[in-house]
Amino acid sequence: MNNNRETDSPIYALDFDGVICDSAIETAMTGWKVAQTIWPDIAKQPITTELIEQFRAVRPVLETGYEAILIMRLLQQRHTAQEICHQYDSRIAETIASASINTQQLKQWFGETRDHWIANNEADWLRNNPLFSGIADQLKTLAEQDWYIITTKQERFVQKILEASDIHLAPDAIFGMDRQLSKQQILEDLLAKHPNQLLVFIEDRLPTLLGIQENPALRTLQLQLVDWGYNTKQDRYVAQQNKLEIISQGQFLQTDT
């Protein structure tokens, strides 16, 4: 008989944007603010509700926050959301090249713009980063066990958003852009740290999960795709074809062991 209570409960590793936080509005607004400093022709144009909704349609293909700067530029140039999604990598690369900038600069400007917004009006910034309805209460059920966040967001922003909802997670349990590690590497490290427990990784981005499926070192992970995040009906169809588990919010953190 196993008397180790920890081995009876799964360890959860959670993506942040699209699983915990509905950050699309704030991400679009931050992207727009940075774009205004890069391209003079939009410097005085206000962001519109229509632009934000178009950004939300493109959001499923975004991988890292700074890409919002380039998406907003493309939308401002009247490229449709569908066109951007279908030619995403080439459009992003072309926009970077045409402005003579690089991804490191974009990451820095994106983070600095968020910091400036927080310093000047933190309440407004937090208002535009709500947790999905009911998620805060579900996360609080994990208070007595180990759990992690694995995200491409910068860690200090994750910490602020969680603390605003009275959710307290140790900084060393948040793996963000600052670590400069891939999600797969982080998951491999967590498997090594918890060798006798089921590790469940919950994500809203299909390509991330498909990549993990191809990694033999991660074959013991339980993978779940949420149906409330930034993915599409087609993504969920492909997930089913690849035998990925799709969960509703009512199934969140309800893994059987």
C-alpha atoms as a PDB file:
ATOM      1  CA  MET A   1       0.000   0.000   0.000  1.00  0.00           C
ATOM      2  CA  ASN A   2       1.310   3.443  -0.964  1.00  0.00           C
ATOM      3  CA  ASN A   3       1.027   5.938   1.879  1.00  0.00           C
ATOM      4  CA  ASN A   4       2.549   8.863  -0.029  1.00  0.00           C
ATOM      5  CA  ARG A   5      -0.419  11.196  -0.555  1.00  0.00           C
ATOM      6  CA  GLU A   6       1.443  13.170  -3.232  1.00  0.00           C
ATOM      7  CA  THR A   7       1.662  10.196  -5.590  1.00  0.00           C
ATOM      8  CA  ASP A   8      -2.128   9.911  -5.568  1.00  0.00           C
ATOM      9  CA  SER A   9      -2.746  13.345  -7.050  1.00  0.00           C
ATOM     10  CA  PRO A  10      -1.644  14.649 -10.439  1.00  0.00           C
ATOM     11  CA  ILE A  11       0.730  17.549 -10.902  1.00  0.00           C
ATOM     12  CA  TYR A  12      -0.759  20.223 -13.124  1.00  0.00           C
ATOM     13  CA  ALA A  13       1.293  22.349 -15.514  1.00  0.00           C
ATOM     14  CA  LEU A  14      -0.870  25.055 -17.026  1.00  0.00           C
ATOM     15  CA  ASP A  15      -0.499  27.431 -19.916  1.00  0.00           C
ATOM     16  CA  PHE A  16      -1.558  30.941 -18.910  1.00  0.00           C
ATOM     17  CA  ASP A  17      -3.039  33.021 -21.740  1.00  0.00           C
ATOM     18  CA  GLY A  18      -6.042  31.200 -23.152  1.00  0.00           C
ATOM     19  CA  VAL A  19      -6.284  28.740 -20.261  1.00  0.00           C
ATOM     20  CA  ILE A  20      -6.288  30.951 -17.171  1.00  0.00           C
ATOM     21  CA  CYS A  21      -6.321  34.523 -18.472  1.00  0.00           C
ATOM     22  CA  ASP A  22      -8.441  36.031 -21.250  1.00  0.00           C
ATOM     23  CA  SER A  23      -5.708  38.465 -22.242  1.00  0.00           C
ATOM     24  CA  ALA A  24      -6.675  39.122 -25.862  1.00  0.00           C
ATOM     25  CA  ILE A  25      -7.874  42.704 -25.303  1.00  0.00           C
ATOM     26  CA  GLU A  26      -4.804  43.774 -23.330  1.00  0.00           C
ATOM     27  CA  THR A  27      -2.448  42.009 -25.737  1.00  0.00           C
ATOM     28  CA  ALA A  28      -4.045  43.781 -28.693  1.00  0.00           C
ATOM     29  CA  MET A  29      -3.872  47.151 -26.939  1.00  0.00           C
ATOM     30  CA  THR A  30      -0.220  46.696 -25.927  1.00  0.00           C
ATOM     31  CA  GLY A  31       0.634  45.588 -29.467  1.00  0.00           C
ATOM     32  CA  TRP A  32      -1.069  48.688 -30.837  1.00  0.00           C
ATOM     33  CA  LYS A  33       0.769  51.006 -28.425  1.00  0.00           C
ATOM     34  CA  VAL A  34       4.137  49.616 -29.553  1.00  0.00           C
ATOM     35  CA  ALA A  35       3.147  49.687 -33.227  1.00  0.00           C
ATOM     36  CA  GLN A  36       2.365  53.386 -32.878  1.00  0.00           C
ATOM     37  CA  THR A  37       5.969  54.046 -31.869  1.00  0.00           C
ATOM     38  CA  ILE A  38       7.383  52.083 -34.830  1.00  0.00           C
ATOM     39  CA  TRP A  39       5.199  53.208 -37.720  1.00  0.00           C
ATOM     40  CA  PRO A  40       4.559  56.971 -37.905  1.00  0.00           C
ATOM     41  CA  ASP A  41       1.458  56.574 -40.088  1.00  0.00           C
ATOM     42  CA  ILE A  42      -0.504  55.083 -37.170  1.00  0.00           C
ATOM     43  CA  ALA A  43       0.997  57.179 -34.381  1.00  0.00           C
ATOM     44  CA  LYS A  44      -2.194  59.168 -33.787  1.00  0.00           C
ATOM     45  CA  GLN A  45      -4.774  56.551 -34.735  1.00  0.00           C
ATOM     46  CA  PRO A  46      -6.863  55.274 -31.807  1.00  0.00           C
ATOM     47  CA  ILE A  47      -7.393  51.550 -31.474  1.00  0.00           C
ATOM     48  CA  THR A  48     -10.958  50.524 -32.322  1.00  0.00           C
ATOM     49  CA  THR A  49     -13.247  47.785 -31.065  1.00  0.00           C
ATOM     50  CA  GLU A  50     -13.236  46.372 -34.596  1.00  0.00           C
ATOM     51  CA  LEU A  51      -9.438  46.048 -34.570  1.00  0.00           C
ATOM     52  CA  ILE A  52      -9.538  44.281 -31.212  1.00  0.00           C
ATOM     53  CA  GLU A  53     -12.148  41.813 -32.462  1.00  0.00           C
ATOM     54  CA  GLN A  54     -10.090  41.168 -35.595  1.00  0.00           C
ATOM     55  CA  PHE A  55      -7.083  40.550 -33.371  1.00  0.00           C
ATOM     56  CA  ARG A  56      -9.089  38.031 -31.343  1.00  0.00           C
ATOM     57  CA  ALA A  57      -9.751  36.140 -34.593  1.00  0.00           C
ATOM     58  CA  VAL A  58      -5.999  35.983 -35.291  1.00  0.00           C
ATOM     59  CA  ARG A  59      -5.076  35.204 -31.668  1.00  0.00           C
ATOM     60  CA  PRO A  60      -5.117  31.378 -32.075  1.00  0.00           C
ATOM     61  CA  VAL A  61      -2.018  31.515 -34.299  1.00  0.00           C
ATOM     62  CA  LEU A  62      -0.027  33.864 -32.039  1.00  0.00           C
ATOM     63  CA  GLU A  63       2.670  32.071 -30.046  1.00  0.00           C
ATOM     64  CA  THR A  64       4.480  34.865 -28.147  1.00  0.00           C
ATOM     65  CA  GLY A  65       3.078  38.212 -27.027  1.00  0.00           C
ATOM     66  CA  TYR A  66       5.363  40.479 -29.049  1.00  0.00           C
ATOM     67  CA  GLU A  67       3.809  39.099 -32.259  1.00  0.00           C
ATOM     68  CA  ALA A  68       0.752  41.203 -31.387  1.00  0.00           C
ATOM     69  CA  ILE A  69       2.717  44.269 -32.515  1.00  0.00           C
ATOM     70  CA  LEU A  70       3.058  42.821 -35.995  1.00  0.00           C
ATOM     71  CA  ILE A  71      -0.508  41.518 -36.133  1.00  0.00           C
ATOM     72  CA  MET A  72      -1.862  44.947 -35.263  1.00  0.00           C
ATOM     73  CA  ARG A  73       0.275  46.502 -37.990  1.00  0.00           C
ATOM     74  CA  LEU A  74      -1.059  44.003 -40.533  1.00  0.00           C
ATOM     75  CA  LEU A  75      -4.646  44.624 -39.454  1.00  0.00           C
ATOM     76  CA  GLN A  76      -4.094  48.372 -39.694  1.00  0.00           C
ATOM     77  CA  GLN A  77      -2.884  47.807 -43.263  1.00  0.00           C
ATOM     78  CA  ARG A  78      -6.257  46.162 -43.929  1.00  0.00           C
ATOM     79  CA  HIS A  79      -5.087  42.591 -44.197  1.00  0.00           C
ATOM     80  CA  THR A  80      -7.977  40.387 -43.118  1.00  0.00           C
ATOM     81  CA  ALA A  81      -7.783  38.110 -40.107  1.00  0.00           C
ATOM     82  CA  GLN A  82      -8.254  35.104 -42.392  1.00  0.00           C
ATOM     83  CA  GLU A  83      -5.420  36.190 -44.673  1.00  0.00           C
ATOM     84  CA  ILE A  84      -3.059  36.736 -41.735  1.00  0.00           C
ATOM     85  CA  CYS A  85      -3.870  33.318 -40.272  1.00  0.00           C
ATOM     86  CA  HIS A  86      -3.346  31.510 -43.569  1.00  0.00           C
ATOM     87  CA  GLN A  87      -0.007  33.211 -44.303  1.00  0.00           C
ATOM     88  CA  TYR A  88       1.081  33.871 -40.743  1.00  0.00           C
ATOM     89  CA  ASP A  89       4.792  33.063 -40.718  1.00  0.00           C
ATOM     90  CA  SER A  90       5.535  34.818 -44.010  1.00  0.00           C
ATOM     91  CA  ARG A  91       3.486  37.924 -43.110  1.00  0.00           C
ATOM     92  CA  ILE A  92       5.173  38.224 -39.718  1.00  0.00           C
ATOM     93  CA  ALA A  93       8.651  37.814 -41.236  1.00  0.00           C
ATOM     94  CA  GLU A  94       7.927  40.366 -43.967  1.00  0.00           C
ATOM     95  CA  THR A  95       6.662  42.930 -41.445  1.00  0.00           C
ATOM     96  CA  ILE A  96       9.755  42.549 -39.273  1.00  0.00           C
ATOM     97  CA  ALA A  97      12.100  42.828 -42.268  1.00  0.00           C
ATOM     98  CA  SER A  98      10.358  45.852 -43.768  1.00  0.00           C
ATOM     99  CA  ALA A  99      10.708  47.784 -40.487  1.00  0.00           C
ATOM    100  CA  SER A 100      14.373  46.828 -39.994  1.00  0.00           C
ATOM    101  CA  ILE A 101      13.735  45.539 -36.481  1.00  0.00           C
ATOM    102  CA  ASN A 102      14.386  42.234 -34.744  1.00  0.00           C
ATOM    103  CA  THR A 103      12.471  39.996 -32.377  1.00  0.00           C
ATOM    104  CA  GLN A 104      14.630  40.885 -29.371  1.00  0.00           C
ATOM    105  CA  GLN A 105      13.763  44.559 -29.788  1.00  0.00           C
ATOM    106  CA  LEU A 106      10.081  43.705 -30.158  1.00  0.00           C
ATOM    107  CA  LYS A 107      10.107  41.593 -26.983  1.00  0.00           C
ATOM    108  CA  GLN A 108      11.813  44.397 -25.074  1.00  0.00           C
ATOM    109  CA  TRP A 109       9.418  47.099 -26.313  1.00  0.00           C
ATOM    110  CA  PHE A 110       6.415  44.904 -25.614  1.00  0.00           C
ATOM    111  CA  GLY A 111       7.486  44.292 -22.012  1.00  0.00           C
ATOM    112  CA  GLU A 112       8.455  47.924 -21.428  1.00  0.00           C
ATOM    113  CA  THR A 113       5.111  49.140 -22.770  1.00  0.00           C
ATOM    114  CA  ARG A 114       3.264  46.844 -20.375  1.00  0.00           C
ATOM    115  CA  ASP A 115       5.461  48.058 -17.506  1.00  0.00           C
ATOM    116  CA  HIS A 116       4.661  51.679 -18.404  1.00  0.00           C
ATOM    117  CA  TRP A 117       0.919  50.943 -18.532  1.00  0.00           C
ATOM    118  CA  ILE A 118       1.065  49.189 -15.153  1.00  0.00           C
ATOM    119  CA  ALA A 119       3.085  52.025 -13.589  1.00  0.00           C
ATOM    120  CA  ASN A 120       0.594  54.624 -14.788  1.00  0.00           C
ATOM    121  CA  ASN A 121      -2.696  52.736 -14.356  1.00  0.00           C
ATOM    122  CA  GLU A 122      -2.342  49.253 -12.931  1.00  0.00           C
ATOM    123  CA  ALA A 123      -6.079  48.904 -12.276  1.00  0.00           C
ATOM    124  CA  ASP A 124      -6.833  49.530 -15.946  1.00  0.00           C
ATOM    125  CA  TRP A 125      -4.197  47.024 -17.054  1.00  0.00           C
ATOM    126  CA  LEU A 126      -5.589  44.362 -14.725  1.00  0.00           C
ATOM    127  CA  ARG A 127      -9.137  45.082 -15.878  1.00  0.00           C
ATOM    128  CA  ASN A 128      -8.072  44.205 -19.406  1.00  0.00           C
ATOM    129  CA  ASN A 129      -6.524  40.906 -18.202  1.00  0.00           C
ATOM    130  CA  PRO A 130      -9.486  39.110 -16.617  1.00  0.00           C
ATOM    131  CA  LEU A 131      -9.342  35.466 -15.666  1.00  0.00           C
ATOM    132  CA  PHE A 132     -11.860  33.313 -17.475  1.00  0.00           C
ATOM    133  CA  SER A 133     -15.056  33.063 -15.430  1.00  0.00           C
ATOM    134  CA  GLY A 134     -14.777  30.557 -12.599  1.00  0.00           C
ATOM    135  CA  ILE A 135     -11.079  29.818 -13.151  1.00  0.00           C
ATOM    136  CA  ALA A 136      -9.860  31.602 -10.006  1.00  0.00           C
ATOM    137  CA  ASP A 137     -11.990  29.408  -7.741  1.00  0.00           C
ATOM    138  CA  GLN A 138     -10.811  26.285  -9.551  1.00  0.00           C
ATOM    139  CA  LEU A 139      -7.144  27.268  -9.162  1.00  0.00           C
ATOM    140  CA  LYS A 140      -7.602  27.843  -5.442  1.00  0.00           C
ATOM    141  CA  THR A 141      -8.367  24.130  -5.053  1.00  0.00           C
ATOM    142  CA  LEU A 142      -4.671  23.524  -5.870  1.00  0.00           C
ATOM    143  CA  ALA A 143      -3.449  25.560  -2.897  1.00  0.00           C
ATOM    144  CA  GLU A 144      -2.189  22.532  -0.966  1.00  0.00           C
ATOM    145  CA  GLN A 145      -0.315  20.853  -3.814  1.00  0.00           C
ATOM    146  CA  ASP A 146       2.419  21.558  -6.343  1.00  0.00           C
ATOM    147  CA  TRP A 147       1.352  23.126  -9.620  1.00  0.00           C
ATOM    148  CA  TYR A 148       3.060  25.159 -12.307  1.00  0.00           C
ATOM    149  CA  ILE A 149       2.497  27.711 -15.027  1.00  0.00           C
ATOM    150  CA  ILE A 150       4.373  27.353 -18.310  1.00  0.00           C
ATOM    151  CA  THR A 151       3.918  30.357 -20.559  1.00  0.00           C
ATOM    152  CA  THR A 152       5.567  32.567 -23.144  1.00  0.00           C
ATOM    153  CA  LYS A 153       4.489  35.598 -21.090  1.00  0.00           C
ATOM    154  CA  GLN A 154       6.995  37.428 -18.903  1.00  0.00           C
ATOM    155  CA  GLU A 155       6.764  36.108 -15.366  1.00  0.00           C
ATOM    156  CA  ARG A 156       6.219  39.391 -13.554  1.00  0.00           C
ATOM    157  CA  PHE A 157       3.003  39.979 -15.494  1.00  0.00           C
ATOM    158  CA  VAL A 158       1.674  36.516 -14.653  1.00  0.00           C
ATOM    159  CA  GLN A 159       2.407  37.114 -10.966  1.00  0.00           C
ATOM    160  CA  LYS A 160       0.504  40.431 -10.932  1.00  0.00           C
ATOM    161  CA  ILE A 161      -2.565  38.993 -12.637  1.00  0.00           C
ATOM    162  CA  LEU A 162      -2.718  35.990 -10.302  1.00  0.00           C
ATOM    163  CA  GLU A 163      -2.238  38.076  -7.167  1.00  0.00           C
ATOM    164  CA  ALA A 164      -5.059  40.404  -8.264  1.00  0.00           C
ATOM    165  CA  SER A 165      -7.349  37.344  -7.997  1.00  0.00           C
ATOM    166  CA  ASP A 166      -5.868  36.302  -4.632  1.00  0.00           C
ATOM    167  CA  ILE A 167      -3.983  33.369  -6.176  1.00  0.00           C
ATOM    168  CA  HIS A 168      -0.494  32.955  -4.775  1.00  0.00           C
ATOM    169  CA  LEU A 169       2.055  30.863  -6.630  1.00  0.00           C
ATOM    170  CA  ALA A 170       5.752  30.808  -5.792  1.00  0.00           C
ATOM    171  CA  PRO A 171       7.900  32.585  -8.392  1.00  0.00           C
ATOM    172  CA  ASP A 172       9.907  29.409  -9.004  1.00  0.00           C
ATOM    173  CA  ALA A 173       6.689  27.655 -10.104  1.00  0.00           C
ATOM    174  CA  ILE A 174       6.109  30.149 -12.932  1.00  0.00           C
ATOM    175  CA  PHE A 175       8.103  29.393 -16.068  1.00  0.00           C
ATOM    176  CA  GLY A 176       7.869  32.312 -18.475  1.00  0.00           C
ATOM    177  CA  MET A 177       9.770  33.992 -21.272  1.00  0.00           C
ATOM    178  CA  ASP A 178      12.423  35.060 -18.770  1.00  0.00           C
ATOM    179  CA  ARG A 179      13.718  31.486 -18.455  1.00  0.00           C
ATOM    180  CA  GLN A 180      14.559  31.242 -22.179  1.00  0.00           C
ATOM    181  CA  LEU A 181      13.535  27.579 -22.155  1.00  0.00           C
ATOM    182  CA  SER A 182      11.124  25.812 -24.463  1.00  0.00           C
ATOM    183  CA  LYS A 183       7.901  24.417 -23.035  1.00  0.00           C
ATOM    184  CA  GLN A 184       9.136  20.939 -23.907  1.00  0.00           C
ATOM    185  CA  GLN A 185      12.365  21.413 -21.951  1.00  0.00           C
ATOM    186  CA  ILE A 186      10.455  22.712 -18.943  1.00  0.00           C
ATOM    187  CA  LEU A 187       8.099  19.731 -19.076  1.00  0.00           C
ATOM    188  CA  GLU A 188      11.041  17.319 -19.288  1.00  0.00           C
ATOM    189  CA  ASP A 189      12.528  18.955 -16.193  1.00  0.00           C
ATOM    190  CA  LEU A 190       9.204  18.683 -14.329  1.00  0.00           C
ATOM    191  CA  LEU A 191       8.892  15.013 -15.209  1.00  0.00           C
ATOM    192  CA  ALA A 192      12.339  14.469 -13.733  1.00  0.00           C
ATOM    193  CA  LYS A 193      11.355  16.413 -10.614  1.00  0.00           C
ATOM    194  CA  HIS A 194       8.145  14.407 -10.089  1.00  0.00           C
ATOM    195  CA  PRO A 195       9.025  10.923 -11.370  1.00  0.00           C
ATOM    196  CA  ASN A 196       6.288   9.070  -9.465  1.00  0.00           C
ATOM    197  CA  GLN A 197       3.355  11.348 -10.261  1.00  0.00           C
ATOM    198  CA  LEU A 198       1.112  11.895 -13.228  1.00  0.00           C
ATOM    199  CA  LEU A 199       1.966  15.211 -14.903  1.00  0.00           C
ATOM    200  CA  VAL A 200      -0.944  16.842 -16.722  1.00  0.00           C
ATOM    201  CA  PHE A 201      -0.194  19.658 -19.155  1.00  0.00           C
ATOM    202  CA  ILE A 202      -3.156  21.870 -20.094  1.00  0.00           C
ATOM    203  CA  GLU A 203      -2.832  24.140 -23.124  1.00  0.00           C
ATOM    204  CA  ASP A 204      -5.038  26.031 -25.552  1.00  0.00           C
ATOM    205  CA  ARG A 205      -2.621  26.038 -28.482  1.00  0.00           C
ATOM    206  CA  LEU A 206      -2.833  22.958 -30.695  1.00  0.00           C
ATOM    207  CA  PRO A 207       0.638  23.176 -32.355  1.00  0.00           C
ATOM    208  CA  THR A 208       2.255  23.129 -28.908  1.00  0.00           C
ATOM    209  CA  LEU A 209       0.497  19.884 -27.999  1.00  0.00           C
ATOM    210  CA  LEU A 210       1.211  18.261 -31.362  1.00  0.00           C
ATOM    211  CA  GLY A 211       4.906  19.044 -30.910  1.00  0.00           C
ATOM    212  CA  ILE A 212       4.879  17.473 -27.450  1.00  0.00           C
ATOM    213  CA  GLN A 213       3.235  14.337 -28.841  1.00  0.00           C
ATOM    214  CA  GLU A 214       6.222  13.862 -31.135  1.00  0.00           C
ATOM    215  CA  ASN A 215       8.737  14.003 -28.273  1.00  0.00           C
ATOM    216  CA  PRO A 216       9.469  10.497 -26.887  1.00  0.00           C
ATOM    217  CA  ALA A 217      10.789  12.007 -23.659  1.00  0.00           C
ATOM    218  CA  LEU A 218       7.308  13.392 -22.942  1.00  0.00           C
ATOM    219  CA  ARG A 219       5.258  10.305 -23.744  1.00  0.00           C
ATOM    220  CA  THR A 220       4.098   9.872 -20.119  1.00  0.00           C
ATOM    221  CA  LEU A 221       2.485  13.322 -20.016  1.00  0.00           C
ATOM    222  CA  GLN A 222      -1.282  13.579 -20.025  1.00  0.00           C
ATOM    223  CA  LEU A 223      -2.180  16.314 -22.518  1.00  0.00           C
ATOM    224  CA  GLN A 224      -5.387  18.333 -22.511  1.00  0.00           C
ATOM    225  CA  LEU A 225      -6.627  20.996 -24.943  1.00  0.00           C
ATOM    226  CA  VAL A 226      -9.139  23.444 -23.501  1.00  0.00           C
ATOM    227  CA  ASP A 227     -12.245  24.321 -25.486  1.00  0.00           C
ATOM    228  CA  TRP A 228     -12.541  27.868 -24.095  1.00  0.00           C
ATOM    229  CA  GLY A 229      -9.160  29.296 -25.110  1.00  0.00           C
ATOM    230  CA  TYR A 230      -7.580  30.659 -28.267  1.00  0.00           C
ATOM    231  CA  ASN A 231      -8.170  27.815 -30.650  1.00  0.00           C
ATOM    232  CA  THR A 232     -10.603  27.121 -33.451  1.00  0.00           C
ATOM    233  CA  LYS A 233     -13.187  24.491 -34.325  1.00  0.00           C
ATOM    234  CA  GLN A 234     -10.707  23.156 -36.900  1.00  0.00           C
ATOM    235  CA  ASP A 235      -8.003  22.946 -34.214  1.00  0.00           C
ATOM    236  CA  ARG A 236     -10.315  20.887 -32.033  1.00  0.00           C
ATOM    237  CA  TYR A 237     -11.149  18.591 -34.948  1.00  0.00           C
ATOM    238  CA  VAL A 238      -7.444  18.009 -35.615  1.00  0.00           C
ATOM    239  CA  ALA A 239      -6.904  17.425 -31.894  1.00  0.00           C
ATOM    240  CA  GLN A 240      -9.543  14.686 -31.927  1.00  0.00           C
ATOM    241  CA  GLN A 241      -7.907  13.080 -34.960  1.00  0.00           C
ATOM    242  CA  ASN A 242      -4.630  13.032 -33.027  1.00  0.00           C
ATOM    243  CA  LYS A 243      -6.267  11.498 -29.964  1.00  0.00           C
ATOM    244  CA  LEU A 244      -5.762  14.571 -27.804  1.00  0.00           C
ATOM    245  CA  GLU A 245      -8.167  15.019 -24.910  1.00  0.00           C
ATOM    246  CA  ILE A 246     -10.368  18.122 -25.209  1.00  0.00           C
ATOM    247  CA  ILE A 247     -11.782  19.457 -21.949  1.00  0.00           C
ATOM    248  CA  SER A 248     -14.545  21.882 -21.048  1.00  0.00           C
ATOM    249  CA  GLN A 249     -14.174  24.272 -18.160  1.00  0.00           C
ATOM    250  CA  GLY A 250     -16.229  21.940 -15.984  1.00  0.00           C
ATOM    251  CA  GLN A 251     -13.547  19.264 -16.506  1.00  0.00           C
ATOM    252  CA  PHE A 252     -10.662  21.606 -15.653  1.00  0.00           C
ATOM    253  CA  LEU A 253      -8.437  20.142 -12.891  1.00  0.00           C
ATOM    254  CA  GLN A 254     -10.692  17.078 -12.635  1.00  0.00           C
ATOM    255  CA  THR A 255      -8.240  14.444 -13.854  1.00  0.00           C
ATOM    256  CA  ASP A 256      -8.952  10.906 -12.653  1.00  0.00           C
ATOM    257  CA  THR A 257      -6.032   9.067 -11.079  1.00  0.00           C
END
